[in-house]
Structures are given as C-alpha cells and as structure tokens.
Amino acid sequence: MSKTVVKEIGILVPTFELDKLAILFDQQAPRDLREMAIVHEFEELTEEPLKVGGTIEIGDEVFTITALGSQANQNLKERGHISLYFREPFEEILPGAVFASPHHFPTFKEGTIISFK
C-alpha cells in the first residue's frame, strides 16, 4: 500500500470538477502548476502503487482503477504526478492518466489521506 497526505489545494482545482479530473503533484511542483493541482506528500510509497483493478481511497471514498497510462506509476514515483479521471476514457489513454470509478468527483481538502492499494 502507498499512502499520501494532501497538503495544498490549488485555487483552480474546483474548475476541473465538471471534467471529473484531479491533478496530483508532490510538493516539488512548480508554482504555476500548483494553482491547478492537489499537492501532496507521501508517507509510504511502494514500487508499483497503481494497477488496473486496484483501489484508490480518498478520505472515506473508495474508487477502483479501470484504466492506467503507461507512465502513471513512474510519474507518481518521480514527481508525485498523475492525472486522475473519475470517468471512463473517451479516447487513447495519456501516459500519466489514471481512470477510476465510481464516476464522481471526490472531496479533497488539506489533510485528506489518499491510499493506493
């Protein structure tokens, strides 16, 4: 299991709710990206935290990973970055994308625990 804690919510994060998209970055994210990101800090990180059929727990909500980009695990480990979609893919899956269901945008706030199982 991998576990991270939300440290900061960018001012533009709510604008992505209609698209059901959450952009995660670790605390090394540049200032211009922080505005649209959920900035987090890992407490635990396993080798391959993301896999199709695995789960993502955001606070008390549980989501199942339905599709995964080819670079998602590497991006998450190196920069704490993934683009997390709470819907099904419409086209080709981008390398850093993660798709999860159920298809609703969760509540993010500072201190929220995100676990990848």
N, C-alpha and C. Protein backbone atom coordinates (compact mmCIF):
# COMPACT_ATOMS: atom_id res chain seq x y z
N MET A 1 0.83 -1.19 0.00
CA MET A 1 0.00 0.00 0.00
C MET A 1 0.87 1.25 0.00
N SER A 2 0.44 2.25 -0.74
CA SER A 2 1.07 3.55 -0.73
C SER A 2 0.10 4.55 -0.13
N LYS A 3 0.64 5.53 0.60
CA LYS A 3 -0.22 6.49 1.28
C LYS A 3 0.39 7.87 1.17
N THR A 4 -0.47 8.86 0.88
CA THR A 4 -0.04 10.24 0.77
C THR A 4 -1.06 11.15 1.44
N VAL A 5 -0.62 12.34 1.81
CA VAL A 5 -1.47 13.29 2.51
C VAL A 5 -1.57 14.58 1.69
N VAL A 6 -2.79 15.07 1.50
CA VAL A 6 -3.00 16.32 0.78
C VAL A 6 -2.49 17.47 1.64
N LYS A 7 -1.61 18.29 1.06
CA LYS A 7 -1.02 19.42 1.77
C LYS A 7 -1.58 20.76 1.30
N GLU A 8 -2.05 20.80 0.06
CA GLU A 8 -2.49 22.08 -0.51
C GLU A 8 -3.46 21.82 -1.66
N ILE A 9 -4.48 22.64 -1.78
CA ILE A 9 -5.44 22.55 -2.87
C ILE A 9 -5.30 23.82 -3.71
N GLY A 10 -4.91 23.65 -4.97
CA GLY A 10 -4.75 24.80 -5.86
C GLY A 10 -6.07 25.53 -6.09
N ILE A 11 -5.98 26.81 -6.30
CA ILE A 11 -7.17 27.64 -6.47
C ILE A 11 -8.02 27.23 -7.67
N LEU A 12 -7.42 26.61 -8.68
CA LEU A 12 -8.15 26.21 -9.89
C LEU A 12 -8.72 24.79 -9.83
N VAL A 13 -8.43 24.05 -8.78
CA VAL A 13 -8.90 22.66 -8.67
C VAL A 13 -10.42 22.54 -8.87
N PRO A 14 -11.24 23.40 -8.26
CA PRO A 14 -12.69 23.27 -8.45
C PRO A 14 -13.14 23.40 -9.91
N THR A 15 -12.36 24.08 -10.74
CA THR A 15 -12.76 24.25 -12.15
C THR A 15 -12.66 22.94 -12.93
N PHE A 16 -11.96 21.95 -12.41
CA PHE A 16 -11.83 20.66 -13.07
C PHE A 16 -12.89 19.65 -12.62
N GLU A 17 -13.73 20.05 -11.68
CA GLU A 17 -14.74 19.12 -11.15
C GLU A 17 -15.72 18.67 -12.23
N LEU A 18 -16.14 19.56 -13.11
CA LEU A 18 -17.08 19.16 -14.19
C LEU A 18 -16.46 18.13 -15.12
N ASP A 19 -15.14 18.22 -15.33
CA ASP A 19 -14.44 17.24 -16.16
C ASP A 19 -14.10 15.98 -15.39
N LYS A 20 -14.39 15.98 -14.09
CA LYS A 20 -14.08 14.86 -13.20
C LYS A 20 -12.59 14.51 -13.27
N LEU A 21 -11.76 15.55 -13.13
CA LEU A 21 -10.31 15.43 -13.24
C LEU A 21 -9.64 16.04 -12.01
N ALA A 22 -8.75 15.27 -11.40
CA ALA A 22 -7.92 15.76 -10.30
C ALA A 22 -6.46 15.57 -10.70
N ILE A 23 -5.69 16.64 -10.61
CA ILE A 23 -4.27 16.60 -10.98
C ILE A 23 -3.46 16.60 -9.70
N LEU A 24 -2.70 15.53 -9.49
CA LEU A 24 -1.88 15.41 -8.29
C LEU A 24 -0.41 15.68 -8.62
N PHE A 25 0.25 16.41 -7.73
CA PHE A 25 1.69 16.65 -7.79
C PHE A 25 2.23 16.61 -6.37
N ASP A 26 3.51 16.23 -6.25
CA ASP A 26 4.13 16.30 -4.93
C ASP A 26 4.53 17.75 -4.64
N GLN A 27 5.17 17.98 -3.51
CA GLN A 27 5.46 19.34 -3.06
C GLN A 27 6.55 20.04 -3.87
N GLN A 28 7.16 19.35 -4.82
CA GLN A 28 8.16 19.98 -5.67
C GLN A 28 7.55 20.60 -6.93
N ALA A 29 6.23 20.58 -7.04
CA ALA A 29 5.55 21.13 -8.21
C ALA A 29 5.86 22.62 -8.36
N PRO A 30 6.12 23.06 -9.60
CA PRO A 30 6.35 24.49 -9.83
C PRO A 30 5.12 25.33 -9.48
N ARG A 31 5.33 26.57 -9.16
CA ARG A 31 4.26 27.47 -8.73
C ARG A 31 3.09 27.52 -9.71
N ASP A 32 3.36 27.60 -11.01
CA ASP A 32 2.28 27.71 -11.99
C ASP A 32 1.43 26.45 -12.04
N LEU A 33 1.99 25.28 -11.73
CA LEU A 33 1.22 24.05 -11.71
C LEU A 33 0.47 23.86 -10.39
N ARG A 34 0.97 24.46 -9.33
CA ARG A 34 0.33 24.32 -8.02
C ARG A 34 -1.08 24.89 -8.02
N GLU A 35 -1.34 25.89 -8.85
CA GLU A 35 -2.66 26.52 -8.90
C GLU A 35 -3.75 25.54 -9.34
N MET A 36 -3.37 24.56 -10.18
CA MET A 36 -4.37 23.62 -10.68
C MET A 36 -4.22 22.22 -10.09
N ALA A 37 -3.38 22.09 -9.08
CA ALA A 37 -3.05 20.76 -8.55
C ALA A 37 -3.47 20.56 -7.11
N ILE A 38 -3.62 19.29 -6.80
CA ILE A 38 -3.74 18.84 -5.42
C ILE A 38 -2.32 18.42 -5.03
N VAL A 39 -1.70 19.20 -4.18
CA VAL A 39 -0.32 18.98 -3.78
C VAL A 39 -0.31 18.06 -2.56
N HIS A 40 0.52 17.03 -2.63
CA HIS A 40 0.53 16.01 -1.57
C HIS A 40 1.95 15.63 -1.20
N GLU A 41 2.05 14.89 -0.10
CA GLU A 41 3.34 14.39 0.39
C GLU A 41 3.18 12.93 0.78
N PHE A 42 4.03 12.07 0.21
CA PHE A 42 3.95 10.64 0.51
C PHE A 42 4.42 10.33 1.93
N GLU A 43 3.68 9.43 2.57
CA GLU A 43 4.10 8.84 3.83
C GLU A 43 4.69 7.46 3.57
N GLU A 44 4.13 6.75 2.58
CA GLU A 44 4.61 5.43 2.14
C GLU A 44 4.46 5.37 0.63
N LEU A 45 5.42 4.71 -0.03
CA LEU A 45 5.33 4.56 -1.48
C LEU A 45 5.91 3.21 -1.87
N THR A 46 5.08 2.36 -2.47
CA THR A 46 5.52 1.05 -2.92
C THR A 46 6.04 1.15 -4.36
N GLU A 47 6.63 0.06 -4.85
CA GLU A 47 7.23 0.04 -6.18
C GLU A 47 6.22 0.30 -7.30
N GLU A 48 5.11 -0.39 -7.28
CA GLU A 48 4.06 -0.23 -8.31
C GLU A 48 2.73 0.05 -7.62
N PRO A 49 2.50 1.29 -7.18
CA PRO A 49 1.30 1.58 -6.40
C PRO A 49 -0.01 1.52 -7.20
N LEU A 50 0.06 1.69 -8.52
CA LEU A 50 -1.14 1.73 -9.35
C LEU A 50 -1.26 0.49 -10.22
N LYS A 51 -2.47 -0.09 -10.25
CA LYS A 51 -2.71 -1.22 -11.15
C LYS A 51 -4.20 -1.28 -11.45
N VAL A 52 -4.54 -1.72 -12.66
CA VAL A 52 -5.94 -1.88 -13.03
C VAL A 52 -6.56 -2.90 -12.08
N GLY A 53 -7.71 -2.55 -11.52
CA GLY A 53 -8.37 -3.39 -10.53
C GLY A 53 -8.00 -3.03 -9.10
N GLY A 54 -6.93 -2.25 -8.94
CA GLY A 54 -6.55 -1.77 -7.61
C GLY A 54 -7.49 -0.66 -7.17
N THR A 55 -7.32 -0.21 -5.95
CA THR A 55 -8.19 0.84 -5.44
C THR A 55 -7.42 2.08 -5.04
N ILE A 56 -8.15 3.19 -5.05
CA ILE A 56 -7.66 4.46 -4.54
C ILE A 56 -8.67 4.90 -3.49
N GLU A 57 -8.20 5.07 -2.28
CA GLU A 57 -9.06 5.57 -1.21
C GLU A 57 -8.74 7.04 -1.00
N ILE A 58 -9.76 7.87 -1.11
CA ILE A 58 -9.62 9.31 -0.91
C ILE A 58 -10.53 9.65 0.27
N GLY A 59 -9.91 9.86 1.44
CA GLY A 59 -10.71 10.00 2.64
C GLY A 59 -11.49 8.72 2.87
N ASP A 60 -12.82 8.84 2.96
CA ASP A 60 -13.68 7.67 3.19
C ASP A 60 -14.22 7.06 1.91
N GLU A 61 -13.86 7.62 0.76
CA GLU A 61 -14.38 7.14 -0.52
C GLU A 61 -13.40 6.17 -1.17
N VAL A 62 -13.93 5.11 -1.78
CA VAL A 62 -13.10 4.10 -2.44
C VAL A 62 -13.43 4.07 -3.92
N PHE A 63 -12.38 4.13 -4.75
CA PHE A 63 -12.51 4.11 -6.20
C PHE A 63 -11.69 2.95 -6.74
N THR A 64 -12.17 2.31 -7.79
CA THR A 64 -11.46 1.22 -8.44
C THR A 64 -10.81 1.74 -9.72
N ILE A 65 -9.53 1.41 -9.91
CA ILE A 65 -8.81 1.82 -11.12
C ILE A 65 -9.28 0.97 -12.29
N THR A 66 -9.78 1.64 -13.34
CA THR A 66 -10.33 0.94 -14.50
C THR A 66 -9.39 0.99 -15.71
N ALA A 67 -8.50 1.98 -15.76
CA ALA A 67 -7.54 2.10 -16.86
C ALA A 67 -6.35 2.90 -16.36
N LEU A 68 -5.19 2.64 -16.99
CA LEU A 68 -3.94 3.19 -16.48
C LEU A 68 -3.01 3.50 -17.64
N GLY A 69 -2.46 4.71 -17.66
CA GLY A 69 -1.49 5.09 -18.67
C GLY A 69 -0.16 4.39 -18.44
N SER A 70 0.63 4.26 -19.49
CA SER A 70 1.88 3.50 -19.44
C SER A 70 2.94 4.10 -18.52
N GLN A 71 2.87 5.40 -18.23
CA GLN A 71 3.88 6.06 -17.38
C GLN A 71 3.34 6.48 -16.02
N ALA A 72 2.11 6.10 -15.70
CA ALA A 72 1.48 6.59 -14.47
C ALA A 72 2.28 6.23 -13.22
N ASN A 73 2.71 4.99 -13.09
CA ASN A 73 3.48 4.60 -11.90
C ASN A 73 4.81 5.35 -11.82
N GLN A 74 5.50 5.46 -12.93
CA GLN A 74 6.78 6.17 -12.93
C GLN A 74 6.58 7.65 -12.58
N ASN A 75 5.58 8.30 -13.19
CA ASN A 75 5.31 9.71 -12.89
C ASN A 75 4.95 9.91 -11.43
N LEU A 76 4.16 9.01 -10.89
CA LEU A 76 3.76 9.12 -9.49
C LEU A 76 4.98 9.00 -8.57
N LYS A 77 5.86 8.06 -8.86
CA LYS A 77 7.04 7.86 -8.03
C LYS A 77 8.05 9.01 -8.16
N GLU A 78 8.24 9.52 -9.38
CA GLU A 78 9.27 10.54 -9.61
C GLU A 78 8.83 11.95 -9.25
N ARG A 79 7.56 12.29 -9.52
CA ARG A 79 7.09 13.67 -9.31
C ARG A 79 5.82 13.75 -8.49
N GLY A 80 5.34 12.58 -8.05
CA GLY A 80 4.08 12.58 -7.34
C GLY A 80 2.92 12.99 -8.24
N HIS A 81 3.11 12.83 -9.55
CA HIS A 81 2.14 13.35 -10.52
C HIS A 81 1.34 12.26 -11.22
N ILE A 82 0.02 12.42 -11.18
CA ILE A 82 -0.90 11.67 -12.04
C ILE A 82 -2.08 12.59 -12.35
N SER A 83 -2.72 12.32 -13.47
CA SER A 83 -4.00 12.94 -13.80
C SER A 83 -5.05 11.89 -13.53
N LEU A 84 -5.88 12.14 -12.54
CA LEU A 84 -6.84 11.17 -12.06
C LEU A 84 -8.24 11.53 -12.56
N TYR A 85 -8.78 10.68 -13.44
CA TYR A 85 -10.08 10.91 -14.04
C TYR A 85 -11.12 10.01 -13.39
N PHE A 86 -12.24 10.59 -12.99
CA PHE A 86 -13.34 9.83 -12.40
C PHE A 86 -14.42 9.63 -13.46
N ARG A 87 -14.02 8.99 -14.54
CA ARG A 87 -14.89 8.69 -15.68
C ARG A 87 -14.17 7.66 -16.53
N GLU A 88 -14.83 7.18 -17.57
CA GLU A 88 -14.20 6.24 -18.49
C GLU A 88 -13.45 7.02 -19.57
N PRO A 89 -12.38 6.45 -20.13
CA PRO A 89 -11.66 7.14 -21.20
C PRO A 89 -12.51 7.24 -22.47
N PHE A 90 -12.43 8.39 -23.13
CA PHE A 90 -13.15 8.61 -24.38
C PHE A 90 -12.29 8.28 -25.58
N GLU A 91 -10.99 8.32 -25.40
CA GLU A 91 -10.04 8.10 -26.50
C GLU A 91 -8.79 7.45 -25.94
N GLU A 92 -7.70 7.57 -26.65
CA GLU A 92 -6.43 6.97 -26.21
C GLU A 92 -6.06 7.48 -24.81
N ILE A 93 -5.55 6.60 -23.99
CA ILE A 93 -5.18 6.94 -22.62
C ILE A 93 -3.80 7.59 -22.62
N LEU A 94 -3.73 8.80 -22.07
CA LEU A 94 -2.45 9.50 -21.97
C LEU A 94 -1.53 8.76 -21.01
N PRO A 95 -0.20 8.88 -21.18
CA PRO A 95 0.74 8.09 -20.38
C PRO A 95 0.60 8.27 -18.86
N GLY A 96 0.26 9.46 -18.39
CA GLY A 96 0.18 9.69 -16.96
C GLY A 96 -1.23 9.66 -16.40
N ALA A 97 -2.17 9.14 -17.17
CA ALA A 97 -3.58 9.15 -16.76
C ALA A 97 -3.95 7.91 -15.96
N VAL A 98 -4.86 8.12 -15.02
CA VAL A 98 -5.44 7.04 -14.24
C VAL A 98 -6.95 7.27 -14.25
N PHE A 99 -7.72 6.25 -14.63
CA PHE A 99 -9.18 6.34 -14.66
C PHE A 99 -9.74 5.48 -13.54
N ALA A 100 -10.77 6.01 -12.87
CA ALA A 100 -11.32 5.30 -11.71
C ALA A 100 -12.84 5.44 -11.67
N SER A 101 -13.47 4.46 -11.03
CA SER A 101 -14.92 4.53 -10.82
C SER A 101 -15.19 4.23 -9.34
N PRO A 102 -16.29 4.70 -8.76
CA PRO A 102 -17.42 5.33 -9.42
C PRO A 102 -17.06 6.69 -10.01
N HIS A 103 -17.91 7.15 -10.89
CA HIS A 103 -17.63 8.33 -11.69
C HIS A 103 -18.17 9.61 -11.07
N HIS A 104 -17.66 9.93 -9.91
CA HIS A 104 -17.99 11.23 -9.30
C HIS A 104 -16.72 11.82 -8.70
N PHE A 105 -16.68 13.12 -8.65
CA PHE A 105 -15.50 13.83 -8.15
C PHE A 105 -15.52 13.81 -6.63
N PRO A 106 -14.47 13.30 -6.01
CA PRO A 106 -14.44 13.21 -4.55
C PRO A 106 -14.15 14.57 -3.90
N THR A 107 -14.29 14.59 -2.60
CA THR A 107 -13.97 15.79 -1.83
C THR A 107 -12.50 15.74 -1.42
N PHE A 108 -11.77 16.77 -1.80
CA PHE A 108 -10.37 16.91 -1.41
C PHE A 108 -10.27 18.11 -0.48
N LYS A 109 -9.51 17.95 0.59
CA LYS A 109 -9.20 19.08 1.47
C LYS A 109 -7.83 18.82 2.09
N GLU A 110 -7.23 19.86 2.63
CA GLU A 110 -5.94 19.68 3.27
C GLU A 110 -6.07 18.65 4.38
N GLY A 111 -5.13 17.72 4.42
CA GLY A 111 -5.13 16.67 5.44
C GLY A 111 -5.79 15.37 4.97
N THR A 112 -6.49 15.39 3.81
CA THR A 112 -7.11 14.17 3.30
C THR A 112 -6.03 13.14 3.02
N ILE A 113 -6.28 11.90 3.43
CA ILE A 113 -5.37 10.79 3.17
C ILE A 113 -5.80 10.13 1.84
N ILE A 114 -4.83 9.89 0.97
CA ILE A 114 -5.06 9.17 -0.28
C ILE A 114 -4.21 7.90 -0.20
N SER A 115 -4.88 6.73 -0.35
CA SER A 115 -4.17 5.45 -0.31
C SER A 115 -4.36 4.74 -1.63
N PHE A 116 -3.28 4.12 -2.11
CA PHE A 116 -3.30 3.32 -3.34
C PHE A 116 -3.08 1.88 -2.91
N LYS A 117 -4.06 1.01 -3.20
CA LYS A 117 -3.96 -0.39 -2.78
C LYS A 117 -4.13 -1.30 -3.97
